[in-house]
N, C-alpha and C. Protein backbone atom coordinates (compact mmCIF):
# COMPACT_ATOMS: atom_id res chain seq x y z
N MET A 1 26.59 -25.75 25.87
CA MET A 1 24.88 -26.05 25.66
C MET A 1 25.20 -26.47 24.73
N PHE A 2 26.03 -27.14 23.48
CA PHE A 2 25.70 -28.03 22.40
C PHE A 2 27.16 -28.38 22.88
N THR A 3 28.28 -29.32 23.83
CA THR A 3 28.98 -29.99 24.46
C THR A 3 28.54 -31.43 23.77
N SER A 4 27.51 -32.05 23.47
CA SER A 4 27.30 -33.46 23.96
C SER A 4 26.86 -33.37 21.85
N LEU A 5 27.04 -32.16 21.48
CA LEU A 5 27.22 -32.03 19.86
C LEU A 5 28.17 -32.24 19.45
N PHE A 6 29.41 -31.88 19.84
CA PHE A 6 30.31 -32.18 19.59
C PHE A 6 30.91 -32.84 19.91
N LEU A 7 30.55 -33.51 20.55
CA LEU A 7 31.80 -35.03 21.44
C LEU A 7 31.09 -35.56 20.03
N THR A 8 29.74 -35.46 20.43
CA THR A 8 28.90 -36.64 19.15
C THR A 8 29.64 -36.41 17.85
N ILE A 9 29.04 -35.70 17.87
CA ILE A 9 30.16 -36.02 15.86
C ILE A 9 30.60 -36.16 15.67
N GLY A 10 32.18 -35.48 16.93
CA GLY A 10 34.01 -35.70 16.70
C GLY A 10 33.52 -37.72 17.12
N LEU A 11 33.19 -37.85 17.60
CA LEU A 11 33.24 -38.90 17.75
C LEU A 11 33.10 -40.36 16.47
N ILE A 12 31.95 -39.84 16.08
CA ILE A 12 31.06 -40.32 14.81
C ILE A 12 32.19 -40.59 14.00
N HIS A 13 32.75 -39.43 13.60
CA HIS A 13 33.99 -38.84 12.87
C HIS A 13 34.66 -39.69 12.99
N LEU A 14 35.73 -39.39 13.64
CA LEU A 14 36.47 -40.35 14.07
C LEU A 14 36.39 -41.82 13.59
N ILE A 15 34.80 -42.98 13.76
CA ILE A 15 35.13 -43.95 14.03
C ILE A 15 35.27 -43.91 11.94
N ALA A 16 34.57 -42.82 11.31
CA ALA A 16 34.39 -42.64 10.05
C ALA A 16 35.30 -43.14 9.89
N LEU A 17 36.52 -42.30 9.68
CA LEU A 17 38.29 -41.71 9.26
C LEU A 17 38.69 -43.17 9.68
N ALA A 18 39.00 -43.95 11.02
CA ALA A 18 39.50 -44.76 11.15
C ALA A 18 39.24 -46.05 9.91
N SER A 19 38.38 -45.70 9.57
CA SER A 19 37.04 -47.07 8.60
C SER A 19 38.56 -47.53 7.48
N PRO A 20 38.26 -48.57 6.52
CA PRO A 20 39.56 -48.03 5.65
C PRO A 20 38.77 -47.13 4.80
N GLY A 21 39.03 -46.82 3.41
CA GLY A 21 37.88 -46.78 2.25
C GLY A 21 39.35 -45.47 1.42
N PRO A 22 38.64 -45.19 0.42
CA PRO A 22 39.61 -43.53 -0.63
C PRO A 22 41.33 -43.40 0.54
N ASP A 23 40.37 -42.73 0.92
CA ASP A 23 41.61 -41.93 1.92
C ASP A 23 42.30 -42.19 1.61
N PHE A 24 42.32 -43.54 2.95
CA PHE A 24 43.70 -44.37 3.83
C PHE A 24 44.00 -44.91 2.37
N ALA A 25 43.60 -45.30 1.42
CA ALA A 25 44.38 -46.23 0.83
C ALA A 25 44.94 -44.58 -0.18
N LEU A 26 44.28 -43.64 0.18
CA LEU A 26 45.82 -42.45 -1.67
C LEU A 26 47.16 -42.71 -0.46
N ILE A 27 46.71 -42.30 1.57
CA ILE A 27 47.50 -41.90 1.88
C ILE A 27 48.41 -43.02 2.38
N LEU A 28 48.57 -44.17 2.09
CA LEU A 28 48.88 -45.21 1.91
C LEU A 28 49.81 -45.58 0.20
N ARG A 29 48.95 -44.58 -0.87
CA ARG A 29 49.85 -45.34 -1.98
C ARG A 29 50.93 -44.02 -1.96
N THR A 30 50.99 -43.00 -0.98
CA THR A 30 51.00 -42.07 -1.30
C THR A 30 52.42 -41.86 -0.44
N SER A 31 52.84 -42.57 0.74
CA SER A 31 53.77 -42.94 1.67
C SER A 31 55.13 -43.46 1.85
N LEU A 32 55.71 -43.83 0.31
CA LEU A 32 56.52 -43.64 -0.30
C LEU A 32 57.48 -42.47 -0.16
N HIS A 33 56.61 -41.24 -0.24
CA HIS A 33 56.91 -39.59 -0.42
C HIS A 33 56.18 -39.20 0.26
N ARG A 34 57.14 -38.03 1.60
CA ARG A 34 56.32 -38.17 2.66
C ARG A 34 55.56 -36.43 2.46
N PRO A 35 56.52 -35.34 1.71
CA PRO A 35 55.64 -34.82 1.67
C PRO A 35 54.52 -34.63 0.79
N THR A 36 54.12 -35.12 -0.42
CA THR A 36 53.00 -36.33 -1.58
C THR A 36 51.93 -36.52 -0.06
N ALA A 37 52.68 -37.40 1.10
CA ALA A 37 51.80 -38.33 1.41
C ALA A 37 51.07 -37.49 2.91
N LEU A 38 51.76 -36.34 3.23
CA LEU A 38 51.35 -34.63 3.89
C LEU A 38 50.37 -34.24 3.30
N GLY A 39 50.66 -33.98 1.88
CA GLY A 39 49.42 -32.88 1.20
C GLY A 39 48.66 -33.82 0.46
N ALA A 40 48.82 -35.23 0.90
CA ALA A 40 47.04 -35.47 0.32
C ALA A 40 46.55 -34.98 1.89
N ALA A 41 47.52 -35.24 3.45
CA ALA A 41 46.66 -35.28 4.43
C ALA A 41 45.58 -34.11 4.13
N LEU A 42 46.05 -33.21 4.09
CA LEU A 42 46.04 -31.10 4.32
C LEU A 42 44.57 -31.48 2.43
N GLY A 43 44.96 -32.63 1.41
CA GLY A 43 43.91 -32.23 1.16
C GLY A 43 42.89 -32.67 0.93
N ILE A 44 42.68 -33.76 1.83
CA ILE A 44 41.91 -34.96 2.21
C ILE A 44 40.50 -33.57 2.52
N ALA A 45 41.93 -33.42 4.13
CA ALA A 45 41.05 -32.01 5.21
C ALA A 45 39.47 -31.23 4.35
N LEU A 46 41.19 -30.81 4.11
CA LEU A 46 40.24 -29.14 3.07
C LEU A 46 38.88 -29.86 2.76
N ALA A 47 39.40 -31.47 1.82
CA ALA A 47 37.93 -31.88 1.24
C ALA A 47 36.72 -31.87 2.56
N ILE A 48 36.87 -32.49 3.30
CA ILE A 48 35.48 -32.86 4.39
C ILE A 48 35.28 -31.52 4.44
N LEU A 49 36.35 -30.34 4.89
CA LEU A 49 36.70 -28.83 5.57
C LEU A 49 34.75 -28.22 4.29
N LEU A 50 34.83 -28.62 2.47
CA LEU A 50 34.20 -27.91 2.26
C LEU A 50 32.96 -28.85 2.41
N HIS A 51 33.31 -30.23 2.81
CA HIS A 51 31.83 -30.58 2.51
C HIS A 51 30.93 -30.69 3.33
N ALA A 52 31.86 -30.40 5.22
CA ALA A 52 31.19 -29.77 6.04
C ALA A 52 29.95 -28.50 6.08
N THR A 53 31.24 -27.48 4.84
CA THR A 53 30.04 -26.25 4.86
C THR A 53 29.01 -26.49 4.13
N LEU A 54 29.27 -27.34 3.34
CA LEU A 54 27.64 -27.74 1.64
C LEU A 54 27.27 -28.11 2.53
N SER A 55 27.42 -28.85 3.49
CA SER A 55 26.01 -29.54 4.35
C SER A 55 25.63 -29.25 4.73
N LEU A 56 26.27 -28.14 5.46
CA LEU A 56 25.70 -27.33 7.17
C LEU A 56 25.38 -25.85 6.40
N THR A 57 25.13 -25.60 5.54
CA THR A 57 24.76 -24.27 4.31
C THR A 57 23.18 -24.45 3.95
N GLY A 58 23.24 -26.45 3.11
CA GLY A 58 22.64 -26.72 2.80
C GLY A 58 22.36 -26.60 1.21
N ILE A 59 23.69 -26.61 0.62
CA ILE A 59 24.02 -27.01 -0.87
C ILE A 59 24.69 -28.39 -0.76
N SER A 60 24.89 -29.70 -0.16
CA SER A 60 24.83 -30.89 -0.24
C SER A 60 23.68 -30.91 -0.59
N LEU A 61 23.18 -30.59 0.07
CA LEU A 61 21.03 -30.41 -0.13
C LEU A 61 20.68 -30.35 -0.97
N LEU A 62 20.84 -28.99 -1.79
CA LEU A 62 20.19 -28.38 -2.73
C LEU A 62 21.43 -29.41 -4.37
N ILE A 63 22.10 -29.58 -4.10
CA ILE A 63 22.80 -30.44 -5.50
C ILE A 63 22.25 -32.38 -5.59
N ALA A 64 21.88 -32.51 -3.84
CA ALA A 64 21.42 -34.16 -4.04
C ALA A 64 19.88 -33.62 -4.38
N SER A 65 19.03 -32.95 -4.30
CA SER A 65 17.79 -32.97 -4.88
C SER A 65 17.49 -32.59 -6.20
N GLN A 66 19.11 -32.89 -6.85
CA GLN A 66 18.94 -33.01 -8.97
C GLN A 66 19.00 -33.66 -9.25
N PRO A 67 19.11 -34.53 -9.41
CA PRO A 67 19.11 -35.38 -9.62
C PRO A 67 19.99 -35.89 -10.51
N TRP A 68 20.17 -35.32 -12.30
CA TRP A 68 20.93 -34.79 -13.36
C TRP A 68 22.72 -34.52 -12.34
N LEU A 69 22.45 -33.56 -11.83
CA LEU A 69 23.69 -33.51 -10.96
C LEU A 69 24.22 -34.07 -10.14
N PHE A 70 23.76 -34.50 -9.53
CA PHE A 70 23.47 -36.20 -8.09
C PHE A 70 24.59 -36.76 -9.64
N MET A 71 23.79 -37.38 -10.33
CA MET A 71 23.58 -38.46 -11.27
C MET A 71 25.61 -37.46 -11.83
N VAL A 72 25.85 -36.73 -12.10
CA VAL A 72 27.22 -35.83 -12.18
C VAL A 72 28.11 -36.76 -12.16
N VAL A 73 27.74 -36.11 -10.30
CA VAL A 73 28.92 -36.49 -9.08
C VAL A 73 29.08 -37.62 -9.32
N LYS A 74 28.13 -38.38 -9.27
CA LYS A 74 28.76 -40.25 -8.34
C LYS A 74 29.53 -40.63 -10.31
N ILE A 75 29.29 -40.39 -11.73
CA ILE A 75 29.76 -40.83 -12.58
C ILE A 75 31.18 -40.30 -12.40
N VAL A 76 31.53 -39.24 -12.37
CA VAL A 76 32.56 -38.33 -12.63
C VAL A 76 33.55 -39.52 -10.65
N GLY A 77 32.65 -39.46 -9.72
CA GLY A 77 33.77 -39.54 -9.09
C GLY A 77 33.88 -41.81 -8.90
N ALA A 78 33.22 -41.99 -9.30
CA ALA A 78 33.61 -43.49 -9.98
C ALA A 78 34.43 -44.26 -10.69
N LEU A 79 34.47 -42.71 -11.73
CA LEU A 79 35.63 -43.45 -12.80
C LEU A 79 36.84 -42.29 -13.04
N TYR A 80 36.83 -41.33 -11.56
CA TYR A 80 37.81 -40.79 -10.39
C TYR A 80 38.83 -42.66 -10.16
N LEU A 81 37.61 -42.84 -8.82
CA LEU A 81 38.56 -43.59 -8.27
C LEU A 81 38.64 -44.91 -8.95
N GLY A 82 37.95 -45.16 -9.80
CA GLY A 82 38.41 -46.47 -10.97
C GLY A 82 39.23 -46.69 -11.61
N TRP A 83 39.47 -45.15 -12.07
CA TRP A 83 41.39 -44.61 -11.93
C TRP A 83 42.08 -45.09 -11.44
N LEU A 84 41.91 -44.74 -10.50
CA LEU A 84 43.32 -44.96 -8.97
C LEU A 84 43.44 -46.14 -8.80
N GLY A 85 42.42 -47.49 -8.19
CA GLY A 85 42.46 -48.76 -8.43
C GLY A 85 43.12 -49.61 -9.56
N TRP A 86 42.37 -49.35 -11.38
CA TRP A 86 43.69 -49.51 -12.05
C TRP A 86 44.96 -49.10 -12.15
N GLY A 87 45.41 -48.27 -11.70
CA GLY A 87 46.68 -47.85 -11.55
C GLY A 87 47.48 -48.90 -10.30
N ALA A 88 47.11 -48.61 -9.30
CA ALA A 88 46.84 -49.16 -8.76
C ALA A 88 47.04 -51.33 -8.80
N LEU A 89 46.19 -50.82 -9.32
CA LEU A 89 46.66 -52.92 -9.76
C LEU A 89 47.18 -53.07 -10.73
N LYS A 90 47.30 -51.94 -11.96
CA LYS A 90 48.69 -51.80 -12.96
C LYS A 90 49.83 -52.34 -12.19
N GLY A 91 50.18 -51.66 -10.42
CA GLY A 91 51.50 -51.11 -10.21
C GLY A 91 52.36 -52.79 -9.82
N ALA A 92 51.07 -53.37 -9.20
CA ALA A 92 51.05 -54.55 -8.98
C ALA A 92 51.54 -56.16 -9.55
N TRP A 93 50.30 -55.46 -10.40
CA TRP A 93 50.66 -56.24 -11.28
C TRP A 93 51.91 -56.15 -12.03
N GLN A 94 52.69 -55.51 -11.98
CA GLN A 94 54.27 -55.28 -12.88
C GLN A 94 55.13 -55.35 -12.10
N GLY A 95 55.09 -55.52 -10.85
CA GLY A 95 55.54 -55.38 -9.79
C GLY A 95 56.77 -54.71 -9.56
N ALA A 96 56.91 -53.10 -10.30
CA ALA A 96 58.46 -52.86 -10.13
C ALA A 96 57.96 -51.69 -9.35
N ALA A 97 59.26 -51.06 -8.34
CA ALA A 97 59.12 -50.24 -7.21
C ALA A 97 59.20 -48.99 -7.88
N GLY A 98 59.06 -48.83 -9.38
CA GLY A 98 58.54 -47.00 -9.88
C GLY A 98 57.09 -46.90 -9.46
N GLN A 99 56.72 -47.87 -9.66
CA GLN A 99 55.02 -47.57 -9.54
C GLN A 99 54.17 -48.15 -7.77
N ALA A 100 55.18 -48.14 -6.63
CA ALA A 100 54.75 -48.95 -5.77
C ALA A 100 53.74 -47.61 -5.46
N PHE A 101 52.19 -48.02 -5.01
CA PHE A 101 50.87 -47.10 -4.65
C PHE A 101 50.97 -45.60 -5.45
N LYS A 102 51.31 -46.23 -6.71
CA LYS A 102 51.15 -44.89 -8.00
C LYS A 102 49.85 -45.24 -8.33
N ALA A 103 49.20 -44.43 -9.25
CA ALA A 103 48.41 -44.14 -10.28
C ALA A 103 48.18 -43.34 -10.96
N GLY A 104 48.15 -43.80 -12.84
CA GLY A 104 48.75 -43.62 -13.14
C GLY A 104 49.94 -42.18 -13.95
N GLU A 105 49.79 -41.32 -13.85
CA GLU A 105 50.89 -40.73 -14.46
C GLU A 105 50.89 -39.30 -12.49
N GLU A 106 50.51 -39.88 -11.67
CA GLU A 106 50.40 -39.30 -10.60
C GLU A 106 52.57 -39.25 -10.24
N ARG A 107 52.64 -37.64 -9.55
CA ARG A 107 54.30 -37.36 -9.56
C ARG A 107 53.85 -36.54 -8.42
N GLN A 108 55.42 -36.68 -7.55
CA GLN A 108 56.26 -36.22 -5.95
C GLN A 108 55.29 -35.22 -5.78
N GLY A 109 55.00 -34.99 -3.86
CA GLY A 109 54.95 -33.27 -4.24
C GLY A 109 54.05 -32.88 -3.61
N TRP A 110 53.53 -31.40 -2.38
CA TRP A 110 52.56 -30.87 -1.33
C TRP A 110 52.04 -31.09 -2.61
N ARG A 111 51.71 -30.37 -3.57
CA ARG A 111 50.96 -29.26 -4.59
C ARG A 111 49.94 -30.98 -5.02
N LYS A 112 50.79 -31.38 -5.60
CA LYS A 112 50.73 -32.57 -5.85
C LYS A 112 49.82 -33.19 -4.91
N GLY A 113 50.19 -33.77 -4.00
CA GLY A 113 49.71 -34.59 -3.13
C GLY A 113 48.39 -33.88 -2.09
N ILE A 114 48.58 -32.02 -2.08
CA ILE A 114 46.95 -31.99 -1.82
C ILE A 114 45.72 -32.00 -3.32
N LYS A 115 46.02 -31.35 -4.04
CA LYS A 115 45.38 -32.44 -5.61
C LYS A 115 44.70 -33.12 -5.11
N SER A 116 45.62 -34.40 -5.39
CA SER A 116 45.56 -36.14 -4.93
C SER A 116 43.76 -36.08 -4.02
N GLY A 117 44.60 -35.06 -2.91
CA GLY A 117 43.28 -35.34 -1.95
C GLY A 117 42.43 -34.39 -1.73
N LEU A 118 41.64 -33.38 -2.20
CA LEU A 118 40.96 -33.53 -2.36
C LEU A 118 39.85 -33.88 -3.47
N ALA A 119 40.73 -34.27 -4.87
CA ALA A 119 39.89 -34.43 -5.67
C ALA A 119 39.44 -36.47 -5.09
N THR A 120 39.96 -37.25 -4.89
CA THR A 120 39.95 -38.13 -3.97
C THR A 120 38.50 -38.48 -3.02
N ASN A 121 38.30 -37.32 -1.84
CA ASN A 121 37.45 -37.04 -1.41
C ASN A 121 36.17 -36.10 -1.37
N LEU A 122 36.55 -35.10 -2.59
CA LEU A 122 35.18 -33.56 -3.28
C LEU A 122 34.54 -35.22 -4.22
N LEU A 123 35.61 -35.69 -4.59
CA LEU A 123 34.83 -36.75 -5.65
C LEU A 123 34.68 -38.50 -5.97
N ASN A 124 34.61 -38.36 -4.23
CA ASN A 124 32.98 -39.26 -4.03
C ASN A 124 32.21 -38.94 -2.83
N PRO A 125 30.87 -39.68 -4.32
CA PRO A 125 29.25 -39.19 -3.58
C PRO A 125 29.49 -40.43 -2.07
N LYS A 126 29.93 -40.90 -1.88
CA LYS A 126 29.24 -41.80 -0.10
C LYS A 126 29.95 -40.54 0.13
N ALA A 127 31.23 -39.65 0.59
CA ALA A 127 31.23 -39.08 1.58
C ALA A 127 30.33 -37.47 1.45
N LEU A 128 29.97 -37.17 0.44
CA LEU A 128 29.01 -36.29 -0.14
C LEU A 128 27.22 -36.73 0.69
N LEU A 129 27.20 -37.58 0.60
CA LEU A 129 26.41 -38.68 1.74
C LEU A 129 26.66 -38.77 3.06
N PHE A 130 27.88 -38.65 3.70
CA PHE A 130 28.15 -39.37 4.63
C PHE A 130 27.15 -38.27 5.55
N PHE A 131 28.48 -36.91 5.34
CA PHE A 131 28.78 -35.27 6.05
C PHE A 131 27.35 -34.91 5.48
N MET A 132 26.48 -34.86 4.69
CA MET A 132 24.97 -34.17 4.48
C MET A 132 23.85 -35.08 5.31
N GLY A 133 23.97 -36.57 5.85
CA GLY A 133 22.98 -36.94 6.63
C GLY A 133 23.72 -37.23 7.79
N LEU A 134 25.00 -36.56 7.62
CA LEU A 134 25.57 -36.72 9.88
C LEU A 134 24.75 -35.65 10.35
N LEU A 135 25.58 -34.42 9.38
CA LEU A 135 24.84 -32.83 9.70
C LEU A 135 23.37 -33.30 9.44
N ALA A 136 22.68 -33.39 8.81
CA ALA A 136 21.45 -33.19 8.95
C ALA A 136 20.12 -33.47 9.86
N ALA A 137 21.16 -34.85 10.27
CA ALA A 137 20.13 -35.41 11.68
C ALA A 137 20.70 -34.90 12.61
N MET A 138 22.25 -34.04 12.99
CA MET A 138 22.82 -34.03 14.59
C MET A 138 22.50 -33.37 14.86
N VAL A 139 22.34 -32.19 12.85
CA VAL A 139 22.69 -30.41 13.53
C VAL A 139 21.10 -29.47 13.06
N THR A 140 20.08 -29.93 14.51
CA THR A 140 19.28 -28.74 14.53
C THR A 140 19.33 -27.17 14.15
N PRO A 141 18.23 -27.03 13.52
CA PRO A 141 17.99 -24.97 12.61
C PRO A 141 18.21 -25.00 14.41
N GLN A 142 18.11 -25.00 14.97
CA GLN A 142 18.19 -23.78 17.09
C GLN A 142 19.12 -23.66 16.30
N VAL A 143 20.79 -24.12 15.50
CA VAL A 143 21.83 -25.08 16.13
C VAL A 143 22.28 -23.23 15.13
N ASP A 144 23.47 -22.20 16.22
CA ASP A 144 23.68 -21.18 15.58
C ASP A 144 24.91 -21.05 14.41
N GLY A 145 25.13 -19.14 14.12
CA GLY A 145 25.86 -20.11 13.50
C GLY A 145 27.75 -19.95 13.45
N LEU A 146 27.72 -19.71 14.10
CA LEU A 146 28.91 -19.93 15.52
C LEU A 146 29.20 -21.33 16.01
N THR A 147 28.37 -21.52 16.39
CA THR A 147 28.61 -23.03 16.65
C THR A 147 28.60 -23.85 16.18
N ARG A 148 28.34 -23.57 13.78
CA ARG A 148 27.88 -24.70 13.28
C ARG A 148 29.68 -24.12 12.20
N GLY A 149 30.36 -23.32 12.92
CA GLY A 149 31.34 -22.31 11.81
C GLY A 149 32.17 -23.80 12.93
N LEU A 150 32.07 -23.96 14.40
CA LEU A 150 33.12 -24.18 15.09
C LEU A 150 32.93 -26.03 14.69
N LEU A 151 31.63 -26.40 14.42
CA LEU A 151 31.73 -28.35 13.50
C LEU A 151 32.61 -28.28 12.88
N ILE A 152 32.33 -27.24 11.96
CA ILE A 152 33.63 -27.06 10.46
C ILE A 152 34.47 -27.67 10.84
N LEU A 153 34.99 -27.19 12.41
CA LEU A 153 36.40 -26.63 12.12
C LEU A 153 36.52 -27.50 12.90
N GLU A 154 35.87 -28.75 13.92
CA GLU A 154 36.40 -29.98 14.46
C GLU A 154 36.12 -30.76 13.77
N LEU A 155 34.79 -30.60 12.19
CA LEU A 155 35.66 -31.45 11.44
C LEU A 155 37.56 -31.66 10.79
N PHE A 156 37.88 -30.39 10.39
CA PHE A 156 38.62 -30.07 10.08
C PHE A 156 39.98 -30.39 10.62
N LEU A 157 39.90 -30.42 11.70
CA LEU A 157 41.08 -30.61 12.05
C LEU A 157 40.95 -31.72 12.86
N LEU A 158 39.92 -32.77 12.90
CA LEU A 158 40.01 -33.78 13.39
C LEU A 158 40.88 -34.33 12.78
N SER A 159 40.30 -34.19 10.75
CA SER A 159 40.42 -35.13 9.68
C SER A 159 41.97 -34.68 9.97
N LEU A 160 42.61 -33.23 9.71
CA LEU A 160 44.03 -33.77 9.25
C LEU A 160 45.12 -34.25 10.73
N ALA A 161 44.65 -34.34 11.83
CA ALA A 161 45.67 -34.46 12.84
C ALA A 161 45.99 -35.95 12.47
N TRP A 162 44.95 -36.86 11.85
CA TRP A 162 44.71 -38.39 12.33
C TRP A 162 45.54 -38.58 10.62
N PHE A 163 44.37 -38.00 9.62
CA PHE A 163 45.44 -37.95 8.39
C PHE A 163 46.99 -37.97 8.03
N GLY A 164 47.41 -36.87 9.40
CA GLY A 164 48.46 -36.00 8.95
C GLY A 164 49.42 -37.14 9.77
N LEU A 165 48.96 -37.75 11.05
CA LEU A 165 49.40 -38.61 11.58
C LEU A 165 49.71 -39.57 11.08
N LEU A 166 48.62 -40.52 10.46
CA LEU A 166 48.00 -41.02 9.97
C LEU A 166 50.43 -41.39 8.39
N ALA A 167 49.93 -40.05 7.75
CA ALA A 167 51.07 -40.33 6.53
C ALA A 167 52.02 -40.06 7.34
N TRP A 168 52.37 -38.93 8.59
CA TRP A 168 54.27 -39.01 8.93
C TRP A 168 54.55 -40.90 9.78
N SER A 169 53.91 -41.65 10.01
CA SER A 169 54.05 -42.78 9.98
C SER A 169 54.68 -43.46 9.31
N LEU A 170 53.28 -43.53 8.05
CA LEU A 170 53.84 -44.53 7.42
C LEU A 170 54.99 -44.09 5.96
N SER A 171 54.87 -42.74 6.26
CA SER A 171 56.17 -42.60 5.61
C SER A 171 57.72 -42.62 6.48
N THR A 172 58.47 -43.23 7.90
CA THR A 172 59.19 -42.91 8.00
C THR A 172 59.74 -45.21 7.94
N ALA A 173 61.05 -44.52 7.99
CA ALA A 173 62.18 -45.04 7.49
C ALA A 173 62.02 -46.99 7.86
N ARG A 174 61.65 -46.76 8.55
CA ARG A 174 60.65 -48.40 9.31
C ARG A 174 59.63 -48.69 8.77
N ALA A 175 58.18 -47.90 8.93
CA ALA A 175 57.28 -48.46 8.18
C ALA A 175 58.18 -48.41 6.23
N GLN A 176 58.06 -47.90 6.07
CA GLN A 176 58.71 -48.23 4.52
C GLN A 176 59.48 -50.02 4.06
N HIS A 177 60.42 -49.48 4.98
CA HIS A 177 61.09 -50.51 5.07
C HIS A 177 60.10 -51.94 4.92
N LEU A 178 58.87 -52.33 6.31
CA LEU A 178 57.64 -52.87 6.47
C LEU A 178 57.12 -53.29 5.50
N LEU A 179 56.24 -51.37 4.86
CA LEU A 179 56.10 -51.41 2.80
C LEU A 179 56.21 -52.28 2.18
N GLY A 180 57.72 -52.45 2.02
CA GLY A 180 58.32 -52.47 0.98
C GLY A 180 58.66 -53.82 1.16
N ARG A 181 58.12 -54.63 1.44
CA ARG A 181 58.03 -56.11 2.47
C ARG A 181 57.36 -55.99 1.23
N VAL A 182 56.02 -55.98 1.15
CA VAL A 182 54.44 -56.20 1.06
C VAL A 182 53.76 -55.62 -0.33
N GLN A 183 55.00 -55.00 -1.29
CA GLN A 183 54.86 -53.83 -1.70
C GLN A 183 53.29 -53.97 -2.61
N ARG A 184 54.15 -55.46 -3.79
CA ARG A 184 52.16 -55.58 -4.33
C ARG A 184 51.20 -56.42 -3.56
N PRO A 185 51.46 -57.47 -3.15
CA PRO A 185 49.47 -57.15 -2.14
C PRO A 185 49.51 -55.86 -2.04
N LEU A 186 50.08 -55.02 -0.51
CA LEU A 186 48.96 -53.66 -1.00
C LEU A 186 48.67 -52.80 -2.37
N ASN A 187 49.60 -52.84 -3.29
CA ASN A 187 48.50 -51.79 -4.04
C ASN A 187 47.75 -53.02 -4.92
N MET A 188 47.64 -54.41 -4.40
CA MET A 188 46.01 -55.39 -5.13
C MET A 188 45.60 -54.58 -3.77
N VAL A 189 45.14 -54.84 -2.89
CA VAL A 189 44.61 -54.28 -1.25
C VAL A 189 43.80 -52.77 -2.02
N THR A 190 44.72 -52.16 -1.61
CA THR A 190 44.52 -50.74 -2.43
C THR A 190 43.38 -50.66 -4.05
N GLY A 191 44.27 -51.32 -4.46
CA GLY A 191 43.37 -50.95 -6.30
C GLY A 191 42.25 -51.37 -5.27
N LEU A 192 41.90 -52.74 -5.49
CA LEU A 192 40.49 -53.45 -4.54
C LEU A 192 39.76 -52.48 -4.61
N LEU A 193 40.71 -52.00 -3.01
CA LEU A 193 39.67 -50.82 -2.64
C LEU A 193 38.82 -50.01 -3.46
N PHE A 194 39.91 -49.62 -3.76
CA PHE A 194 38.92 -48.55 -5.52
C PHE A 194 38.41 -48.93 -6.01
N GLY A 195 38.54 -49.63 -6.39
CA GLY A 195 37.71 -50.72 -7.99
C GLY A 195 35.92 -50.64 -6.61
N ALA A 196 36.29 -51.64 -6.01
CA ALA A 196 34.86 -51.32 -4.78
C ALA A 196 33.72 -50.54 -4.80
N VAL A 197 34.65 -49.78 -4.00
CA VAL A 197 33.35 -48.09 -4.49
C VAL A 197 33.37 -47.73 -5.25
N SER A 198 34.18 -47.58 -6.39
CA SER A 198 33.92 -47.18 -7.55
C SER A 198 32.59 -48.05 -8.44
N LEU A 199 32.60 -49.96 -8.43
CA LEU A 199 31.82 -50.72 -8.20
C LEU A 199 30.54 -50.05 -7.41
N SER A 200 30.03 -50.13 -6.59
CA SER A 200 29.37 -49.92 -5.53
C SER A 200 28.56 -48.87 -6.12
N ILE A 201 29.60 -47.55 -6.53
CA ILE A 201 28.73 -46.86 -7.42
C ILE A 201 28.33 -46.44 -8.87
N LEU A 202 28.42 -47.83 -9.61
CA LEU A 202 27.93 -48.03 -10.81
C LEU A 202 26.86 -48.26 -10.42
N VAL A 203 27.94 -49.63 -9.21
CA VAL A 203 25.35 -50.52 -9.28
C VAL A 203 24.93 -49.72 -8.67
N ASP A 204 24.93 -48.30 -7.97
CA ASP A 204 23.84 -47.71 -7.23
C ASP A 204 23.01 -46.49 -8.31
N LEU A 205 24.11 -46.73 -9.91
CA LEU A 205 23.60 -45.83 -10.36
C LEU A 205 22.61 -46.50 -11.43
N ALA A 206 22.96 -48.06 -11.72
CA ALA A 206 21.99 -48.62 -12.55
C ALA A 206 20.67 -48.69 -12.12
N GLN A 207 20.68 -49.44 -10.83
CA GLN A 207 19.43 -50.26 -10.56
C GLN A 207 18.90 -49.52 -10.60
N PRO A 208 18.10 -47.82 -10.54
CA PRO A 208 17.02 -47.62 -11.34
C PRO A 208 16.64 -47.39 -12.63
N LEU A 209 17.77 -47.94 -13.55
CA LEU A 209 18.24 -48.73 -14.48
C LEU A 209 17.36 -49.80 -14.93
N LEU A 210 17.50 -50.75 -14.50
CA LEU A 210 17.16 -52.81 -14.03
C LEU A 210 15.85 -52.63 -13.56
N ALA A 211 15.23 -51.84 -12.78
CA ALA A 211 14.01 -52.09 -11.98
C ALA A 211 12.87 -52.13 -13.15
């Protein structure tokens, strides 16, 4: 009965996953160490699982309806993404191998990767708005609880498969050889990407004050 709903939401989600953004940049930055990159992929997928759950249970709408709470989420998210961007730009400026695709005091390992993936996606208010808008528009009150749960599972599995494949592919010896040759430009691009997202969030926050 809801086959078209699964296909439509899955297709839209895949298109969104393939679009360059902070999640892709994080996988790129952590790709020098495969366990960290795979951990980041799992962390991003878990964050998307949480976003989808919050959206389908109405909690995301509750957060967005509280101006002060949503503003806190935006400020924290903007600062965190800006911090990641600054770390990547600093690595590009210094040009040191140890700084490649890293930000701040990031360390290697599954746990650090998962934490980075969770934070990068969860603290991005644009991700919250995307899932809230997508699922609110597509999932009507007539959709039962089992179907909602399967939709959440679908989004999680698609995210895990996409970012897991990306992390594995970018951490191969051949990919690392190619990435190593353009290390500084890639650090610059990822830093600018994080910075652009952070700046766009801050601009959105400032617009009501300037109006």
